[in-house]
Amino acid sequence: MQVPVLLYRRSKGRIGGTIRGVSVLLLSVTGRSTGLPRTVLVGYFEHDGAYLVVGSGGGAPAEPHWFRNLRQAGEATVLVADRVMAVSARVADDCERLALWNDVILVRAPFFAAYEHRSGRTVPIAVLRPR
């Protein structure tokens, strides 16, 4: 297990619970190729009872593997501080994504605009809704 994931888990989010002012959760999703659970730290934004996660990869040209896994699986488990939740996952369509991008993501974390610009692609947003 990765050290940052372990620290987040053991500290219940007190260590590693924010990055650049953005709250962080642990996302566990089944790998597309392996079928094994994969866990990563991901920044999130709470919005309308859901968690929004952004597949920016810090501006990488390719979509992050965890996002591709999430897109295929359609479900995951998240750990937010000390709360474990099963979530359904869907990728926002173009219209919804634009509204979420402008009204939520860029308002709360304007530096995501640089990630999208650097990536050269439209950065996707997934909506994680607790079940």
C-alpha atoms as a PDB file:
ATOM      1  CA  MET A   1       0.000   0.000   0.000  1.00  0.00           C
ATOM      2  CA  GLN A   2       1.268   3.498  -0.817  1.00  0.00           C
ATOM      3  CA  VAL A   3       2.545   5.516   2.157  1.00  0.00           C
ATOM      4  CA  PRO A   4       0.219   8.520   1.548  1.00  0.00           C
ATOM      5  CA  VAL A   5      -2.799   6.183   1.415  1.00  0.00           C
ATOM      6  CA  LEU A   6      -1.715   4.461   4.612  1.00  0.00           C
ATOM      7  CA  LEU A   7      -1.145   7.783   6.390  1.00  0.00           C
ATOM      8  CA  TYR A   8      -4.556   9.090   5.312  1.00  0.00           C
ATOM      9  CA  ARG A   9      -6.261   5.904   6.438  1.00  0.00           C
ATOM     10  CA  ARG A  10      -4.492   5.691   9.811  1.00  0.00           C
ATOM     11  CA  SER A  11      -4.907   9.387  10.604  1.00  0.00           C
ATOM     12  CA  LYS A  12      -8.539   9.454   9.434  1.00  0.00           C
ATOM     13  CA  GLY A  13      -7.673  12.158   6.943  1.00  0.00           C
ATOM     14  CA  ARG A  14      -5.786  14.438   9.322  1.00  0.00           C
ATOM     15  CA  ILE A  15      -2.611  13.684   7.338  1.00  0.00           C
ATOM     16  CA  GLY A  16      -3.069  14.107   3.602  1.00  0.00           C
ATOM     17  CA  GLY A  17      -6.657  15.323   3.945  1.00  0.00           C
ATOM     18  CA  THR A  18      -6.088  18.383   1.765  1.00  0.00           C
ATOM     19  CA  ILE A  19      -3.898  19.247  -1.190  1.00  0.00           C
ATOM     20  CA  ARG A  20      -3.580  22.891  -2.252  1.00  0.00           C
ATOM     21  CA  GLY A  21      -6.699  23.662  -0.215  1.00  0.00           C
ATOM     22  CA  VAL A  22      -8.789  20.939  -1.872  1.00  0.00           C
ATOM     23  CA  SER A  23     -10.241  18.202   0.349  1.00  0.00           C
ATOM     24  CA  VAL A  24      -8.999  14.680  -0.363  1.00  0.00           C
ATOM     25  CA  LEU A  25     -10.671  11.278  -0.133  1.00  0.00           C
ATOM     26  CA  LEU A  26      -9.487   7.726  -0.682  1.00  0.00           C
ATOM     27  CA  LEU A  27     -11.053   6.196  -3.763  1.00  0.00           C
ATOM     28  CA  SER A  28     -11.062   2.408  -4.119  1.00  0.00           C
ATOM     29  CA  VAL A  29     -12.135   1.092  -7.501  1.00  0.00           C
ATOM     30  CA  THR A  30     -11.677  -2.169  -9.372  1.00  0.00           C
ATOM     31  CA  GLY A  31      -8.853  -2.147 -11.927  1.00  0.00           C
ATOM     32  CA  ARG A  32      -9.941  -2.538 -15.562  1.00  0.00           C
ATOM     33  CA  SER A  33      -7.283  -5.047 -16.476  1.00  0.00           C
ATOM     34  CA  THR A  34      -6.511  -6.805 -13.222  1.00  0.00           C
ATOM     35  CA  GLY A  35      -9.899  -6.889 -11.532  1.00  0.00           C
ATOM     36  CA  LEU A  36      -8.072  -6.015  -8.303  1.00  0.00           C
ATOM     37  CA  PRO A  37      -9.053  -3.129  -6.041  1.00  0.00           C
ATOM     38  CA  ARG A  38      -6.952   0.006  -6.564  1.00  0.00           C
ATOM     39  CA  THR A  39      -6.860   2.803  -3.992  1.00  0.00           C
ATOM     40  CA  VAL A  40      -5.707   6.376  -4.644  1.00  0.00           C
ATOM     41  CA  LEU A  41      -5.885   9.754  -2.967  1.00  0.00           C
ATOM     42  CA  VAL A  42      -8.133  12.071  -4.978  1.00  0.00           C
ATOM     43  CA  GLY A  43      -9.175  15.665  -4.479  1.00  0.00           C
ATOM     44  CA  TYR A  44     -12.929  16.153  -4.323  1.00  0.00           C
ATOM     45  CA  PHE A  45     -15.603  18.815  -4.220  1.00  0.00           C
ATOM     46  CA  GLU A  46     -18.891  18.331  -2.387  1.00  0.00           C
ATOM     47  CA  HIS A  47     -21.859  19.388  -4.482  1.00  0.00           C
ATOM     48  CA  ASP A  48     -25.584  18.620  -4.167  1.00  0.00           C
ATOM     49  CA  GLY A  49     -25.053  15.591  -1.920  1.00  0.00           C
ATOM     50  CA  ALA A  50     -22.384  14.086  -4.190  1.00  0.00           C
ATOM     51  CA  TYR A  51     -18.620  14.122  -4.452  1.00  0.00           C
ATOM     52  CA  LEU A  52     -17.090  15.472  -7.654  1.00  0.00           C
ATOM     53  CA  VAL A  53     -13.702  14.126  -8.688  1.00  0.00           C
ATOM     54  CA  VAL A  54     -11.719  15.511 -11.590  1.00  0.00           C
ATOM     55  CA  GLY A  55      -9.597  13.423 -13.950  1.00  0.00           C
ATOM     56  CA  SER A  56      -6.935  16.073 -14.437  1.00  0.00           C
ATOM     57  CA  GLY A  57      -3.859  14.027 -13.594  1.00  0.00           C
ATOM     58  CA  GLY A  58      -2.206  17.310 -12.632  1.00  0.00           C
ATOM     59  CA  GLY A  59      -2.254  18.349 -16.289  1.00  0.00           C
ATOM     60  CA  ALA A  60      -1.053  15.063 -17.795  1.00  0.00           C
ATOM     61  CA  PRO A  61      -1.985  14.527 -21.458  1.00  0.00           C
ATOM     62  CA  ALA A  62      -3.699  11.187 -20.712  1.00  0.00           C
ATOM     63  CA  GLU A  63      -6.640  10.516 -18.437  1.00  0.00           C
ATOM     64  CA  PRO A  64      -5.458   9.020 -15.111  1.00  0.00           C
ATOM     65  CA  HIS A  65      -5.762   5.247 -14.750  1.00  0.00           C
ATOM     66  CA  TRP A  66      -7.949   5.626 -11.662  1.00  0.00           C
ATOM     67  CA  PHE A  67     -10.427   7.694 -13.709  1.00  0.00           C
ATOM     68  CA  ARG A  68     -10.518   5.111 -16.490  1.00  0.00           C
ATOM     69  CA  ASN A  69     -11.124   2.411 -13.873  1.00  0.00           C
ATOM     70  CA  LEU A  70     -13.931   4.472 -12.359  1.00  0.00           C
ATOM     71  CA  ARG A  71     -15.493   5.137 -15.773  1.00  0.00           C
ATOM     72  CA  GLN A  72     -15.617   1.405 -16.487  1.00  0.00           C
ATOM     73  CA  ALA A  73     -16.648   0.197 -13.019  1.00  0.00           C
ATOM     74  CA  GLY A  74     -19.486   2.674 -12.423  1.00  0.00           C
ATOM     75  CA  GLU A  75     -19.091   2.167  -8.687  1.00  0.00           C
ATOM     76  CA  ALA A  76     -16.458   2.530  -6.014  1.00  0.00           C
ATOM     77  CA  THR A  77     -15.852   2.880  -2.317  1.00  0.00           C
ATOM     78  CA  VAL A  78     -14.665   6.132  -0.790  1.00  0.00           C
ATOM     79  CA  LEU A  79     -13.162   6.942   2.577  1.00  0.00           C
ATOM     80  CA  VAL A  80     -13.805  10.533   3.589  1.00  0.00           C
ATOM     81  CA  ALA A  81     -11.947  11.174   6.865  1.00  0.00           C
ATOM     82  CA  ASP A  82     -13.296   8.214   8.871  1.00  0.00           C
ATOM     83  CA  ARG A  83     -16.464   7.523   6.844  1.00  0.00           C
ATOM     84  CA  VAL A  84     -16.503   4.624   4.387  1.00  0.00           C
ATOM     85  CA  MET A  85     -19.206   4.781   1.707  1.00  0.00           C
ATOM     86  CA  ALA A  86     -20.187   2.789  -1.347  1.00  0.00           C
ATOM     87  CA  VAL A  87     -20.826   5.191  -4.228  1.00  0.00           C
ATOM     88  CA  SER A  88     -22.255   4.993  -7.692  1.00  0.00           C
ATOM     89  CA  ALA A  89     -20.080   6.753 -10.249  1.00  0.00           C
ATOM     90  CA  ARG A  90     -20.922   8.394 -13.532  1.00  0.00           C
ATOM     91  CA  VAL A  91     -19.041  10.752 -15.787  1.00  0.00           C
ATOM     92  CA  ALA A  92     -20.774  14.090 -16.314  1.00  0.00           C
ATOM     93  CA  ASP A  93     -21.943  14.643 -19.885  1.00  0.00           C
ATOM     94  CA  ASP A  94     -20.627  17.666 -21.811  1.00  0.00           C
ATOM     95  CA  CYS A  95     -23.342  20.104 -20.730  1.00  0.00           C
ATOM     96  CA  GLU A  96     -23.312  19.087 -17.060  1.00  0.00           C
ATOM     97  CA  ARG A  97     -19.510  18.976 -17.049  1.00  0.00           C
ATOM     98  CA  LEU A  98     -19.246  22.547 -18.330  1.00  0.00           C
ATOM     99  CA  ALA A  99     -21.613  23.816 -15.631  1.00  0.00           C
ATOM    100  CA  LEU A 100     -19.793  21.883 -12.880  1.00  0.00           C
ATOM    101  CA  TRP A 101     -16.418  23.023 -14.202  1.00  0.00           C
ATOM    102  CA  ASN A 102     -17.360  26.710 -14.246  1.00  0.00           C
ATOM    103  CA  ASP A 103     -19.670  26.881 -11.222  1.00  0.00           C
ATOM    104  CA  VAL A 104     -17.952  24.488  -8.805  1.00  0.00           C
ATOM    105  CA  ILE A 105     -14.432  23.421  -9.759  1.00  0.00           C
ATOM    106  CA  LEU A 106     -13.002  26.738 -10.986  1.00  0.00           C
ATOM    107  CA  VAL A 107     -14.767  28.730  -8.274  1.00  0.00           C
ATOM    108  CA  ARG A 108     -13.242  26.594  -5.506  1.00  0.00           C
ATOM    109  CA  ALA A 109      -9.921  25.710  -7.146  1.00  0.00           C
ATOM    110  CA  PRO A 110      -9.073  28.065 -10.025  1.00  0.00           C
ATOM    111  CA  PHE A 111      -5.688  26.373 -10.537  1.00  0.00           C
ATOM    112  CA  PHE A 112      -7.517  23.474 -12.231  1.00  0.00           C
ATOM    113  CA  ALA A 113      -7.762  25.704 -15.323  1.00  0.00           C
ATOM    114  CA  ALA A 114      -3.977  25.428 -15.693  1.00  0.00           C
ATOM    115  CA  TYR A 115      -4.216  21.619 -15.414  1.00  0.00           C
ATOM    116  CA  GLU A 116      -6.728  21.488 -18.247  1.00  0.00           C
ATOM    117  CA  HIS A 117      -4.710  23.889 -20.381  1.00  0.00           C
ATOM    118  CA  ARG A 118      -1.481  21.936 -19.809  1.00  0.00           C
ATOM    119  CA  SER A 119      -3.190  18.599 -20.551  1.00  0.00           C
ATOM    120  CA  GLY A 120      -4.466  19.698 -23.971  1.00  0.00           C
ATOM    121  CA  ARG A 121      -7.729  17.828 -23.375  1.00  0.00           C
ATOM    122  CA  THR A 122     -11.098  18.429 -21.806  1.00  0.00           C
ATOM    123  CA  VAL A 123     -10.715  17.227 -18.247  1.00  0.00           C
ATOM    124  CA  PRO A 124     -13.608  14.897 -17.230  1.00  0.00           C
ATOM    125  CA  ILE A 125     -15.582  15.127 -14.006  1.00  0.00           C
ATOM    126  CA  ALA A 126     -17.110  12.120 -12.258  1.00  0.00           C
ATOM    127  CA  VAL A 127     -20.070  12.407  -9.928  1.00  0.00           C
ATOM    128  CA  LEU A 128     -19.884  10.013  -6.987  1.00  0.00           C
ATOM    129  CA  ARG A 129     -23.206   9.594  -5.223  1.00  0.00           C
ATOM    130  CA  PRO A 130     -23.413   7.675  -1.917  1.00  0.00           C
ATOM    131  CA  ARG A 131     -25.739   4.675  -2.133  1.00  0.00           C
END
